[in-house]
Amino acid sequence: MISSVRGVVLHAAGTTAVVEVGGVGLSVSVTPQHALSLRVGTEATLRTALIVREDDLALFGFPDTEQLVVFDLLRGVTGVGPKSAMGVLAALSPAQIATAVATEDDSAFRKVSGIGPKTAKLIVLSLAGKMQAVSTASTLVSAAKSSVSDSVLVALVGLGWSERVAAQAVDEAVAESTGDEASTVPLLLRLALTRLGPQHSSSVSSR
């Protein structure tokens, strides 16, 4: 297994980079953003994944371990091959992927070329609870929870509660919830509504 390569960049454009290692130019598939960050003639280190097939050896490269881990997680999803996984990483950062999974937002993945509705849902289901494998998991989860809280706050205000009352209910729900309960909009919304009480909920429903 080739887990990393270091050498002089001979070529970097589109989704391909060529890195010279020991006099041999290795062709590595990268995201367009990664290719733009590489400079021909300078030395670079890429974290890599070697995909072996009967008729092909393909090397995929990443700027850091975080993206490599997410790439491997994506490849573990039924229907997601290496190229599709690279497509996801080209369209979404690891933090955005973590947020989409935490908020069960499969629409983020449907925007990626080659990812259909069924596969998008499978990604969300398959990666649920696994994003902590990423080295910056604590940061990603924090960002995801913030997004979930904002979504719940908007929902409560839409139901008729004042922003102040709704924000207090959300904060209390987050403080008293488990990590899993605070990671999805439906669960956190249910907890916040419980904090607000059935009488308030009934009065809003009758408007």
N, C-alpha and C. Protein backbone atom coordinates (compact mmCIF):
# COMPACT_ATOMS: atom_id res chain seq x y z
N MET A 1 0.85 -1.20 0.00
CA MET A 1 0.00 0.00 0.00
C MET A 1 0.87 1.24 0.00
N ILE A 2 0.58 2.17 -0.90
CA ILE A 2 1.29 3.45 -0.93
C ILE A 2 0.45 4.46 -0.15
N SER A 3 0.91 4.81 1.04
CA SER A 3 0.12 5.68 1.90
C SER A 3 0.47 7.16 1.74
N SER A 4 1.63 7.44 1.13
CA SER A 4 1.99 8.83 0.88
C SER A 4 3.09 8.89 -0.16
N VAL A 5 3.18 10.03 -0.83
CA VAL A 5 4.27 10.26 -1.79
C VAL A 5 4.83 11.65 -1.55
N ARG A 6 6.15 11.77 -1.74
CA ARG A 6 6.79 13.09 -1.60
C ARG A 6 7.79 13.25 -2.73
N GLY A 7 7.69 14.35 -3.43
CA GLY A 7 8.62 14.59 -4.52
C GLY A 7 8.30 15.87 -5.24
N VAL A 8 9.01 16.10 -6.31
CA VAL A 8 8.83 17.33 -7.10
C VAL A 8 7.61 17.18 -8.00
N VAL A 9 6.78 18.20 -8.02
CA VAL A 9 5.58 18.20 -8.85
C VAL A 9 5.99 18.48 -10.30
N LEU A 10 5.71 17.53 -11.19
CA LEU A 10 6.03 17.69 -12.60
C LEU A 10 4.85 18.25 -13.38
N HIS A 11 3.66 18.01 -12.88
CA HIS A 11 2.44 18.46 -13.58
C HIS A 11 1.31 18.54 -12.56
N ALA A 12 0.45 19.52 -12.70
CA ALA A 12 -0.73 19.65 -11.83
C ALA A 12 -1.78 20.47 -12.56
N ALA A 13 -2.83 19.81 -13.00
CA ALA A 13 -3.91 20.48 -13.72
C ALA A 13 -5.14 19.61 -13.73
N GLY A 14 -6.31 20.26 -13.70
CA GLY A 14 -7.56 19.50 -13.71
C GLY A 14 -7.67 18.62 -12.49
N THR A 15 -7.72 17.32 -12.70
CA THR A 15 -7.83 16.37 -11.58
C THR A 15 -6.63 15.42 -11.54
N THR A 16 -5.52 15.86 -12.11
CA THR A 16 -4.33 15.00 -12.14
C THR A 16 -3.07 15.76 -11.73
N ALA A 17 -2.26 15.09 -10.94
CA ALA A 17 -0.95 15.62 -10.57
C ALA A 17 0.08 14.52 -10.83
N VAL A 18 1.26 14.92 -11.28
CA VAL A 18 2.35 13.97 -11.48
C VAL A 18 3.48 14.37 -10.55
N VAL A 19 3.86 13.45 -9.67
CA VAL A 19 4.90 13.72 -8.68
C VAL A 19 6.07 12.77 -8.93
N GLU A 20 7.26 13.31 -9.05
CA GLU A 20 8.45 12.50 -9.30
C GLU A 20 9.00 11.96 -7.98
N VAL A 21 9.03 10.64 -7.88
CA VAL A 21 9.54 9.99 -6.68
C VAL A 21 10.62 8.99 -7.09
N GLY A 22 11.84 9.25 -6.69
CA GLY A 22 12.93 8.36 -7.05
C GLY A 22 13.14 8.21 -8.54
N GLY A 23 12.93 9.29 -9.28
CA GLY A 23 13.12 9.26 -10.71
C GLY A 23 11.93 8.74 -11.50
N VAL A 24 10.87 8.37 -10.78
CA VAL A 24 9.65 7.86 -11.42
C VAL A 24 8.52 8.86 -11.24
N GLY A 25 7.84 9.20 -12.32
CA GLY A 25 6.71 10.12 -12.23
C GLY A 25 5.43 9.37 -11.93
N LEU A 26 4.85 9.62 -10.77
CA LEU A 26 3.61 8.96 -10.36
C LEU A 26 2.42 9.85 -10.68
N SER A 27 1.47 9.30 -11.43
CA SER A 27 0.25 10.03 -11.74
C SER A 27 -0.75 9.83 -10.61
N VAL A 28 -1.22 10.92 -10.06
CA VAL A 28 -2.11 10.87 -8.90
C VAL A 28 -3.39 11.64 -9.20
N SER A 29 -4.53 11.02 -8.93
CA SER A 29 -5.83 11.71 -9.08
C SER A 29 -6.05 12.59 -7.87
N VAL A 30 -6.37 13.86 -8.10
CA VAL A 30 -6.61 14.81 -7.02
C VAL A 30 -7.86 15.62 -7.33
N THR A 31 -8.33 16.39 -6.37
CA THR A 31 -9.46 17.28 -6.63
C THR A 31 -8.94 18.51 -7.36
N PRO A 32 -9.79 19.21 -8.10
CA PRO A 32 -9.35 20.43 -8.80
C PRO A 32 -8.74 21.46 -7.86
N GLN A 33 -9.31 21.59 -6.65
CA GLN A 33 -8.79 22.55 -5.68
C GLN A 33 -7.37 22.17 -5.26
N HIS A 34 -7.15 20.87 -5.07
CA HIS A 34 -5.83 20.40 -4.66
C HIS A 34 -4.81 20.64 -5.77
N ALA A 35 -5.22 20.38 -7.01
CA ALA A 35 -4.33 20.59 -8.16
C ALA A 35 -3.89 22.06 -8.24
N LEU A 36 -4.81 22.96 -7.99
CA LEU A 36 -4.50 24.39 -8.06
C LEU A 36 -3.51 24.81 -6.98
N SER A 37 -3.51 24.08 -5.87
CA SER A 37 -2.61 24.44 -4.76
C SER A 37 -1.19 23.93 -4.97
N LEU A 38 -1.01 23.01 -5.92
CA LEU A 38 0.32 22.44 -6.19
C LEU A 38 1.06 23.31 -7.21
N ARG A 39 2.36 23.45 -7.02
CA ARG A 39 3.17 24.28 -7.91
C ARG A 39 4.22 23.41 -8.61
N VAL A 40 4.19 23.45 -9.93
CA VAL A 40 5.16 22.67 -10.72
C VAL A 40 6.58 23.13 -10.38
N GLY A 41 7.47 22.15 -10.16
CA GLY A 41 8.86 22.45 -9.84
C GLY A 41 9.16 22.52 -8.36
N THR A 42 8.10 22.48 -7.53
CA THR A 42 8.30 22.51 -6.07
C THR A 42 8.01 21.14 -5.49
N GLU A 43 8.54 20.89 -4.30
CA GLU A 43 8.31 19.59 -3.66
C GLU A 43 6.98 19.60 -2.91
N ALA A 44 6.28 18.49 -2.97
CA ALA A 44 4.98 18.37 -2.30
C ALA A 44 4.86 16.99 -1.66
N THR A 45 4.09 16.92 -0.61
CA THR A 45 3.78 15.65 0.05
C THR A 45 2.28 15.42 -0.03
N LEU A 46 1.90 14.26 -0.53
CA LEU A 46 0.48 13.92 -0.66
C LEU A 46 0.19 12.66 0.13
N ARG A 47 -0.90 12.69 0.87
CA ARG A 47 -1.42 11.46 1.50
C ARG A 47 -2.16 10.72 0.39
N THR A 48 -1.97 9.42 0.29
CA THR A 48 -2.52 8.71 -0.86
C THR A 48 -3.26 7.42 -0.49
N ALA A 49 -4.11 7.01 -1.42
CA ALA A 49 -4.82 5.73 -1.33
C ALA A 49 -4.61 5.02 -2.66
N LEU A 50 -4.12 3.80 -2.61
CA LEU A 50 -3.90 3.01 -3.82
C LEU A 50 -5.08 2.07 -4.02
N ILE A 51 -5.77 2.22 -5.13
CA ILE A 51 -6.91 1.37 -5.45
C ILE A 51 -6.47 0.34 -6.48
N VAL A 52 -6.54 -0.92 -6.11
CA VAL A 52 -6.08 -2.00 -6.98
C VAL A 52 -7.28 -2.74 -7.58
N ARG A 53 -7.28 -2.82 -8.90
CA ARG A 53 -8.30 -3.58 -9.62
C ARG A 53 -7.60 -4.56 -10.56
N GLU A 54 -8.37 -5.45 -11.14
CA GLU A 54 -7.77 -6.48 -11.99
C GLU A 54 -6.98 -5.89 -13.14
N ASP A 55 -7.50 -4.81 -13.71
CA ASP A 55 -6.85 -4.23 -14.88
C ASP A 55 -6.34 -2.81 -14.67
N ASP A 56 -6.21 -2.40 -13.40
CA ASP A 56 -5.83 -1.01 -13.17
C ASP A 56 -5.26 -0.80 -11.77
N LEU A 57 -4.28 0.08 -11.68
CA LEU A 57 -3.75 0.55 -10.41
C LEU A 57 -3.95 2.06 -10.40
N ALA A 58 -4.73 2.58 -9.47
CA ALA A 58 -5.02 4.01 -9.44
C ALA A 58 -4.61 4.60 -8.10
N LEU A 59 -3.92 5.72 -8.17
CA LEU A 59 -3.45 6.39 -6.96
C LEU A 59 -4.22 7.70 -6.78
N PHE A 60 -4.83 7.85 -5.61
CA PHE A 60 -5.60 9.06 -5.30
C PHE A 60 -4.88 9.83 -4.19
N GLY A 61 -4.72 11.14 -4.42
CA GLY A 61 -3.95 11.93 -3.48
C GLY A 61 -4.75 13.02 -2.78
N PHE A 62 -4.28 13.36 -1.55
CA PHE A 62 -5.00 14.33 -0.72
C PHE A 62 -3.99 15.22 0.01
N PRO A 63 -4.38 16.45 0.31
CA PRO A 63 -3.47 17.37 0.99
C PRO A 63 -3.24 17.04 2.46
N ASP A 64 -4.17 16.27 3.07
CA ASP A 64 -4.03 15.94 4.49
C ASP A 64 -4.74 14.63 4.82
N THR A 65 -4.47 14.14 6.02
CA THR A 65 -5.06 12.88 6.47
C THR A 65 -6.57 12.97 6.60
N GLU A 66 -7.06 14.16 6.96
CA GLU A 66 -8.49 14.37 7.14
C GLU A 66 -9.27 14.00 5.88
N GLN A 67 -8.82 14.51 4.74
CA GLN A 67 -9.52 14.22 3.49
C GLN A 67 -9.37 12.75 3.11
N LEU A 68 -8.23 12.16 3.39
CA LEU A 68 -8.02 10.75 3.09
C LEU A 68 -8.99 9.87 3.88
N VAL A 69 -9.17 10.20 5.16
CA VAL A 69 -10.09 9.44 6.01
C VAL A 69 -11.52 9.54 5.48
N VAL A 70 -11.93 10.75 5.11
CA VAL A 70 -13.28 10.94 4.58
C VAL A 70 -13.45 10.19 3.26
N PHE A 71 -12.41 10.21 2.43
CA PHE A 71 -12.41 9.47 1.16
C PHE A 71 -12.66 7.98 1.41
N ASP A 72 -11.96 7.41 2.38
CA ASP A 72 -12.13 6.00 2.71
C ASP A 72 -13.53 5.71 3.25
N LEU A 73 -14.06 6.63 4.05
CA LEU A 73 -15.41 6.45 4.58
C LEU A 73 -16.44 6.47 3.45
N LEU A 74 -16.26 7.38 2.52
CA LEU A 74 -17.19 7.49 1.39
C LEU A 74 -17.13 6.23 0.52
N ARG A 75 -15.93 5.70 0.31
CA ARG A 75 -15.79 4.50 -0.51
C ARG A 75 -16.45 3.28 0.13
N GLY A 76 -16.66 3.35 1.43
CA GLY A 76 -17.31 2.25 2.13
C GLY A 76 -18.82 2.23 1.95
N VAL A 77 -19.35 3.26 1.32
CA VAL A 77 -20.79 3.35 1.08
C VAL A 77 -21.15 2.64 -0.22
N THR A 78 -22.15 1.79 -0.17
CA THR A 78 -22.59 1.07 -1.37
C THR A 78 -22.95 2.03 -2.49
N GLY A 79 -22.37 1.81 -3.65
CA GLY A 79 -22.66 2.67 -4.80
C GLY A 79 -21.71 3.84 -4.97
N VAL A 80 -20.79 4.02 -4.03
CA VAL A 80 -19.82 5.12 -4.12
C VAL A 80 -18.43 4.56 -4.41
N GLY A 81 -17.96 4.78 -5.62
CA GLY A 81 -16.63 4.35 -6.01
C GLY A 81 -15.61 5.45 -5.75
N PRO A 82 -14.34 5.19 -6.06
CA PRO A 82 -13.30 6.19 -5.83
C PRO A 82 -13.56 7.52 -6.54
N LYS A 83 -14.01 7.46 -7.80
CA LYS A 83 -14.24 8.69 -8.55
C LYS A 83 -15.40 9.49 -7.95
N SER A 84 -16.45 8.79 -7.53
CA SER A 84 -17.58 9.49 -6.90
C SER A 84 -17.16 10.10 -5.58
N ALA A 85 -16.33 9.38 -4.82
CA ALA A 85 -15.85 9.90 -3.54
C ALA A 85 -15.02 11.16 -3.75
N MET A 86 -14.20 11.16 -4.81
CA MET A 86 -13.42 12.35 -5.13
C MET A 86 -14.33 13.49 -5.56
N GLY A 87 -15.43 13.14 -6.24
CA GLY A 87 -16.39 14.15 -6.65
C GLY A 87 -17.03 14.84 -5.45
N VAL A 88 -17.32 14.05 -4.42
CA VAL A 88 -17.90 14.61 -3.20
C VAL A 88 -16.90 15.56 -2.54
N LEU A 89 -15.63 15.12 -2.45
CA LEU A 89 -14.61 15.95 -1.81
C LEU A 89 -14.30 17.20 -2.64
N ALA A 90 -14.54 17.13 -3.94
CA ALA A 90 -14.32 18.30 -4.79
C ALA A 90 -15.42 19.33 -4.57
N ALA A 91 -16.60 18.85 -4.20
CA ALA A 91 -17.75 19.75 -4.03
C ALA A 91 -17.96 20.19 -2.59
N LEU A 92 -17.55 19.35 -1.63
CA LEU A 92 -17.80 19.63 -0.22
C LEU A 92 -16.53 19.42 0.61
N SER A 93 -16.31 20.29 1.57
CA SER A 93 -15.18 20.12 2.48
C SER A 93 -15.55 19.07 3.52
N PRO A 94 -14.57 18.49 4.22
CA PRO A 94 -14.89 17.53 5.28
C PRO A 94 -15.87 18.10 6.31
N ALA A 95 -15.71 19.39 6.64
CA ALA A 95 -16.62 20.02 7.60
C ALA A 95 -18.04 20.07 7.06
N GLN A 96 -18.18 20.38 5.78
CA GLN A 96 -19.52 20.44 5.16
C GLN A 96 -20.14 19.04 5.08
N ILE A 97 -19.32 18.04 4.82
CA ILE A 97 -19.81 16.66 4.77
C ILE A 97 -20.30 16.24 6.15
N ALA A 98 -19.52 16.57 7.18
CA ALA A 98 -19.90 16.23 8.55
C ALA A 98 -21.21 16.90 8.94
N THR A 99 -21.36 18.17 8.55
CA THR A 99 -22.58 18.90 8.86
C THR A 99 -23.78 18.30 8.14
N ALA A 100 -23.60 17.96 6.86
CA ALA A 100 -24.69 17.36 6.09
C ALA A 100 -25.13 16.03 6.69
N VAL A 101 -24.17 15.24 7.14
CA VAL A 101 -24.48 13.94 7.75
C VAL A 101 -25.18 14.15 9.09
N ALA A 102 -24.66 15.08 9.90
CA ALA A 102 -25.24 15.33 11.22
C ALA A 102 -26.66 15.87 11.14
N THR A 103 -26.94 16.66 10.11
CA THR A 103 -28.27 17.25 9.97
C THR A 103 -29.17 16.44 9.03
N GLU A 104 -28.65 15.28 8.59
CA GLU A 104 -29.39 14.39 7.68
C GLU A 104 -29.82 15.12 6.41
N ASP A 105 -28.93 15.95 5.90
CA ASP A 105 -29.20 16.73 4.69
C ASP A 105 -28.61 16.04 3.47
N ASP A 106 -29.37 15.10 2.89
CA ASP A 106 -28.84 14.38 1.73
C ASP A 106 -28.84 15.23 0.47
N SER A 107 -29.52 16.38 0.49
CA SER A 107 -29.55 17.24 -0.69
C SER A 107 -28.15 17.76 -1.02
N ALA A 108 -27.29 17.89 -0.01
CA ALA A 108 -25.93 18.36 -0.23
C ALA A 108 -25.17 17.39 -1.14
N PHE A 109 -25.46 16.09 -1.00
CA PHE A 109 -24.77 15.08 -1.81
C PHE A 109 -25.43 14.91 -3.18
N ARG A 110 -26.73 15.20 -3.26
CA ARG A 110 -27.40 15.08 -4.55
C ARG A 110 -26.90 16.10 -5.56
N LYS A 111 -26.27 17.17 -5.08
CA LYS A 111 -25.74 18.19 -5.97
C LYS A 111 -24.44 17.75 -6.64
N VAL A 112 -23.86 16.66 -6.14
CA VAL A 112 -22.60 16.16 -6.69
C VAL A 112 -22.88 15.31 -7.92
N SER A 113 -22.19 15.59 -9.01
CA SER A 113 -22.36 14.83 -10.24
C SER A 113 -22.10 13.35 -10.01
N GLY A 114 -23.04 12.51 -10.45
CA GLY A 114 -22.88 11.07 -10.31
C GLY A 114 -23.49 10.50 -9.04
N ILE A 115 -23.98 11.37 -8.15
CA ILE A 115 -24.61 10.91 -6.91
C ILE A 115 -26.12 11.11 -7.02
N GLY A 116 -26.87 10.00 -7.08
CA GLY A 116 -28.32 10.07 -7.18
C GLY A 116 -28.98 10.14 -5.82
N PRO A 117 -30.32 10.31 -5.79
CA PRO A 117 -31.05 10.42 -4.52
C PRO A 117 -30.84 9.24 -3.58
N LYS A 118 -30.88 8.00 -4.11
CA LYS A 118 -30.72 6.82 -3.26
C LYS A 118 -29.32 6.76 -2.65
N THR A 119 -28.32 7.04 -3.48
CA THR A 119 -26.94 7.01 -2.99
C THR A 119 -26.71 8.12 -1.98
N ALA A 120 -27.31 9.28 -2.21
CA ALA A 120 -27.17 10.40 -1.28
C ALA A 120 -27.70 10.03 0.10
N LYS A 121 -28.86 9.36 0.13
CA LYS A 121 -29.43 8.93 1.40
C LYS A 121 -28.55 7.88 2.07
N LEU A 122 -27.99 6.98 1.25
CA LEU A 122 -27.11 5.95 1.78
C LEU A 122 -25.86 6.55 2.42
N ILE A 123 -25.35 7.62 1.81
CA ILE A 123 -24.17 8.29 2.37
C ILE A 123 -24.48 8.81 3.76
N VAL A 124 -25.62 9.48 3.90
CA VAL A 124 -26.02 10.04 5.20
C VAL A 124 -26.19 8.92 6.23
N LEU A 125 -26.87 7.85 5.84
CA LEU A 125 -27.11 6.74 6.76
C LEU A 125 -25.82 6.01 7.12
N SER A 126 -24.97 5.78 6.13
CA SER A 126 -23.74 5.01 6.34
C SER A 126 -22.69 5.77 7.14
N LEU A 127 -22.65 7.10 6.95
CA LEU A 127 -21.62 7.88 7.63
C LEU A 127 -22.06 8.37 9.00
N ALA A 128 -23.33 8.18 9.34
CA ALA A 128 -23.83 8.62 10.64
C ALA A 128 -23.03 7.94 11.76
N GLY A 129 -22.46 8.73 12.63
CA GLY A 129 -21.69 8.19 13.74
C GLY A 129 -20.25 7.84 13.41
N LYS A 130 -19.85 7.99 12.14
CA LYS A 130 -18.50 7.63 11.74
C LYS A 130 -17.58 8.82 11.50
N MET A 131 -18.15 10.01 11.43
CA MET A 131 -17.33 11.17 11.11
C MET A 131 -16.34 11.52 12.22
N GLN A 132 -16.54 10.93 13.44
CA GLN A 132 -15.58 11.20 14.50
C GLN A 132 -14.23 10.58 14.20
N ALA A 133 -14.17 9.73 13.17
CA ALA A 133 -12.90 9.14 12.77
C ALA A 133 -11.98 10.18 12.16
N VAL A 134 -12.54 11.29 11.73
CA VAL A 134 -11.73 12.36 11.17
C VAL A 134 -10.94 13.03 12.29
N SER A 135 -9.73 13.41 12.01
CA SER A 135 -8.85 13.97 13.04
C SER A 135 -9.40 15.22 13.70
N THR A 136 -10.19 16.00 12.96
CA THR A 136 -10.74 17.24 13.51
C THR A 136 -12.20 17.05 13.89
N ALA A 137 -12.54 15.88 14.38
CA ALA A 137 -13.94 15.54 14.67
C ALA A 137 -14.60 16.53 15.61
N SER A 138 -13.90 16.95 16.66
CA SER A 138 -14.53 17.84 17.63
C SER A 138 -14.96 19.15 16.99
N THR A 139 -14.14 19.67 16.08
CA THR A 139 -14.47 20.91 15.39
C THR A 139 -15.66 20.72 14.47
N LEU A 140 -15.67 19.59 13.76
CA LEU A 140 -16.74 19.32 12.80
C LEU A 140 -18.07 19.13 13.51
N VAL A 141 -18.06 18.40 14.61
CA VAL A 141 -19.30 18.16 15.35
C VAL A 141 -19.84 19.46 15.92
N SER A 142 -18.93 20.32 16.38
CA SER A 142 -19.34 21.61 16.92
C SER A 142 -20.04 22.44 15.84
N ALA A 143 -19.47 22.43 14.64
CA ALA A 143 -20.07 23.17 13.53
C ALA A 143 -21.42 22.59 13.17
N ALA A 144 -21.53 21.26 13.20
CA ALA A 144 -22.78 20.60 12.85
C ALA A 144 -23.87 20.93 13.86
N LYS A 145 -23.52 20.91 15.15
CA LYS A 145 -24.50 21.20 16.19
C LYS A 145 -24.99 22.64 16.08
N SER A 146 -24.07 23.54 15.75
CA SER A 146 -24.45 24.94 15.60
C SER A 146 -25.46 25.08 14.47
N SER A 147 -25.24 24.36 13.37
CA SER A 147 -26.15 24.40 12.24
C SER A 147 -27.51 23.83 12.61
N VAL A 148 -27.51 22.72 13.38
CA VAL A 148 -28.76 22.10 13.81
C VAL A 148 -29.53 23.06 14.71
N SER A 149 -28.83 23.69 15.65
CA SER A 149 -29.49 24.62 16.58
C SER A 149 -30.12 25.78 15.82
N ASP A 150 -29.40 26.30 14.83
CA ASP A 150 -29.93 27.41 14.03
C ASP A 150 -31.20 26.99 13.29
N SER A 151 -31.20 25.77 12.76
CA SER A 151 -32.35 25.27 12.00
C SER A 151 -33.57 25.11 12.92
N VAL A 152 -33.32 24.61 14.13
CA VAL A 152 -34.41 24.42 15.10
C VAL A 152 -34.96 25.77 15.55
N LEU A 153 -34.07 26.74 15.74
CA LEU A 153 -34.50 28.08 16.15
C LEU A 153 -35.41 28.69 15.08
N VAL A 154 -35.02 28.56 13.83
CA VAL A 154 -35.84 29.09 12.72
C VAL A 154 -37.20 28.40 12.69
N ALA A 155 -37.21 27.09 12.93
CA ALA A 155 -38.47 26.34 12.91
C ALA A 155 -39.41 26.81 14.02
N LEU A 156 -38.87 27.04 15.21
CA LEU A 156 -39.69 27.46 16.34
C LEU A 156 -40.26 28.87 16.13
N VAL A 157 -39.43 29.74 15.61
CA VAL A 157 -39.91 31.10 15.32
C VAL A 157 -41.01 31.04 14.27
N GLY A 158 -40.85 30.13 13.30
CA GLY A 158 -41.86 29.96 12.26
C GLY A 158 -43.17 29.44 12.82
N LEU A 159 -43.08 28.70 13.94
CA LEU A 159 -44.28 28.16 14.57
C LEU A 159 -44.98 29.20 15.45
N GLY A 160 -44.32 30.34 15.65
CA GLY A 160 -45.00 31.41 16.38
C GLY A 160 -44.36 31.87 17.67
N TRP A 161 -43.32 31.19 18.13
CA TRP A 161 -42.65 31.63 19.35
C TRP A 161 -41.72 32.80 19.05
N SER A 162 -41.51 33.65 20.04
CA SER A 162 -40.58 34.76 19.86
C SER A 162 -39.16 34.20 19.79
N GLU A 163 -38.27 34.95 19.17
CA GLU A 163 -36.90 34.47 19.01
C GLU A 163 -36.22 34.28 20.36
N ARG A 164 -36.53 35.16 21.32
CA ARG A 164 -35.92 35.06 22.65
C ARG A 164 -36.34 33.78 23.34
N VAL A 165 -37.64 33.50 23.34
CA VAL A 165 -38.16 32.29 24.00
C VAL A 165 -37.66 31.04 23.29
N ALA A 166 -37.67 31.08 21.97
CA ALA A 166 -37.22 29.93 21.19
C ALA A 166 -35.74 29.65 21.43
N ALA A 167 -34.92 30.70 21.44
CA ALA A 167 -33.48 30.55 21.65
C ALA A 167 -33.19 29.94 23.01
N GLN A 168 -33.94 30.37 24.03
CA GLN A 168 -33.75 29.83 25.37
C GLN A 168 -34.09 28.34 25.41
N ALA A 169 -35.17 27.97 24.74
CA ALA A 169 -35.59 26.57 24.71
C ALA A 169 -34.55 25.71 23.99
N VAL A 170 -34.01 26.25 22.91
CA VAL A 170 -32.98 25.50 22.16
C VAL A 170 -31.73 25.33 23.01
N ASP A 171 -31.29 26.39 23.67
CA ASP A 171 -30.09 26.31 24.51
C ASP A 171 -30.27 25.29 25.63
N GLU A 172 -31.44 25.29 26.24
CA GLU A 172 -31.71 24.34 27.33
C GLU A 172 -31.75 22.91 26.80
N ALA A 173 -32.33 22.74 25.61
CA ALA A 173 -32.42 21.41 25.01
C ALA A 173 -31.03 20.88 24.68
N VAL A 174 -30.18 21.74 24.13
CA VAL A 174 -28.81 21.33 23.79
C VAL A 174 -28.03 20.96 25.06
N ALA A 175 -28.20 21.77 26.11
CA ALA A 175 -27.47 21.54 27.37
C ALA A 175 -27.86 20.22 28.02
N GLU A 176 -29.12 19.82 27.87
CA GLU A 176 -29.60 18.62 28.55
C GLU A 176 -29.63 17.38 27.65
N SER A 177 -29.30 17.57 26.39
CA SER A 177 -29.38 16.45 25.45
C SER A 177 -28.09 15.66 25.41
N THR A 178 -28.18 14.44 24.87
CA THR A 178 -26.99 13.65 24.58
C THR A 178 -26.43 14.15 23.25
N GLY A 179 -25.24 13.69 22.90
CA GLY A 179 -24.64 14.11 21.64
C GLY A 179 -25.50 13.76 20.44
N ASP A 180 -26.09 12.54 20.47
CA ASP A 180 -26.92 12.10 19.34
C ASP A 180 -28.19 12.92 19.22
N GLU A 181 -28.78 13.27 20.36
CA GLU A 181 -30.04 14.02 20.33
C GLU A 181 -29.84 15.41 19.76
N ALA A 182 -28.66 15.98 19.98
CA ALA A 182 -28.40 17.35 19.51
C ALA A 182 -27.85 17.39 18.10
N SER A 183 -27.68 16.19 17.47
CA SER A 183 -27.04 16.16 16.15
C SER A 183 -28.02 16.18 14.99
N THR A 184 -29.32 16.04 15.28
CA THR A 184 -30.30 16.06 14.20
C THR A 184 -31.41 17.05 14.51
N VAL A 185 -31.93 17.68 13.47
CA VAL A 185 -32.98 18.68 13.63
C VAL A 185 -34.25 18.09 14.25
N PRO A 186 -34.76 16.94 13.77
CA PRO A 186 -36.01 16.41 14.34
C PRO A 186 -35.91 16.12 15.84
N LEU A 187 -34.81 15.50 16.28
CA LEU A 187 -34.67 15.16 17.69
C LEU A 187 -34.52 16.39 18.57
N LEU A 188 -33.69 17.35 18.13
CA LEU A 188 -33.51 18.55 18.93
C LEU A 188 -34.78 19.40 18.94
N LEU A 189 -35.51 19.42 17.83
CA LEU A 189 -36.77 20.16 17.78
C LEU A 189 -37.78 19.57 18.77
N ARG A 190 -37.83 18.24 18.82
CA ARG A 190 -38.74 17.57 19.75
C ARG A 190 -38.39 17.92 21.21
N LEU A 191 -37.10 17.95 21.51
CA LEU A 191 -36.66 18.29 22.87
C LEU A 191 -37.01 19.74 23.21
N ALA A 192 -36.81 20.64 22.23
CA ALA A 192 -37.11 22.05 22.46
C ALA A 192 -38.61 22.26 22.67
N LEU A 193 -39.42 21.55 21.90
CA LEU A 193 -40.87 21.66 22.05
C LEU A 193 -41.31 21.16 23.42
N THR A 194 -40.62 20.13 23.90
CA THR A 194 -40.93 19.61 25.24
C THR A 194 -40.63 20.67 26.30
N ARG A 195 -39.51 21.39 26.10
CA ARG A 195 -39.16 22.45 27.03
C ARG A 195 -40.19 23.57 27.01
N LEU A 196 -40.75 23.87 25.84
CA LEU A 196 -41.73 24.94 25.70
C LEU A 196 -43.08 24.56 26.30
N GLY A 197 -43.34 23.26 26.34
CA GLY A 197 -44.57 22.78 26.98
C GLY A 197 -45.72 22.55 26.01
N PRO A 198 -46.58 21.58 26.31
CA PRO A 198 -47.70 21.24 25.44
C PRO A 198 -48.73 22.34 25.27
N GLN A 199 -48.91 23.17 26.30
CA GLN A 199 -49.92 24.23 26.22
C GLN A 199 -49.54 25.25 25.15
N HIS A 200 -48.23 25.61 25.13
CA HIS A 200 -47.78 26.57 24.09
C HIS A 200 -47.94 25.96 22.71
N SER A 201 -47.57 24.68 22.61
CA SER A 201 -47.64 24.00 21.32
C SER A 201 -49.08 23.95 20.81
N SER A 202 -50.01 23.68 21.71
CA SER A 202 -51.42 23.61 21.32
C SER A 202 -51.94 24.95 20.88
N SER A 203 -51.52 26.01 21.59
CA SER A 203 -52.01 27.34 21.24
C SER A 203 -51.52 27.76 19.88
N VAL A 204 -50.28 27.37 19.55
CA VAL A 204 -49.74 27.72 18.25
C VAL A 204 -50.45 26.94 17.17
N SER A 205 -50.71 25.64 17.43
CA SER A 205 -51.36 24.80 16.44
C SER A 205 -52.77 25.29 16.10
N SER A 206 -53.43 25.95 17.08
CA SER A 206 -54.81 26.36 16.86
C SER A 206 -54.92 27.71 16.17
N ARG A 207 -53.75 28.36 15.93
CA ARG A 207 -53.82 29.68 15.27
C ARG A 207 -54.17 29.56 13.82
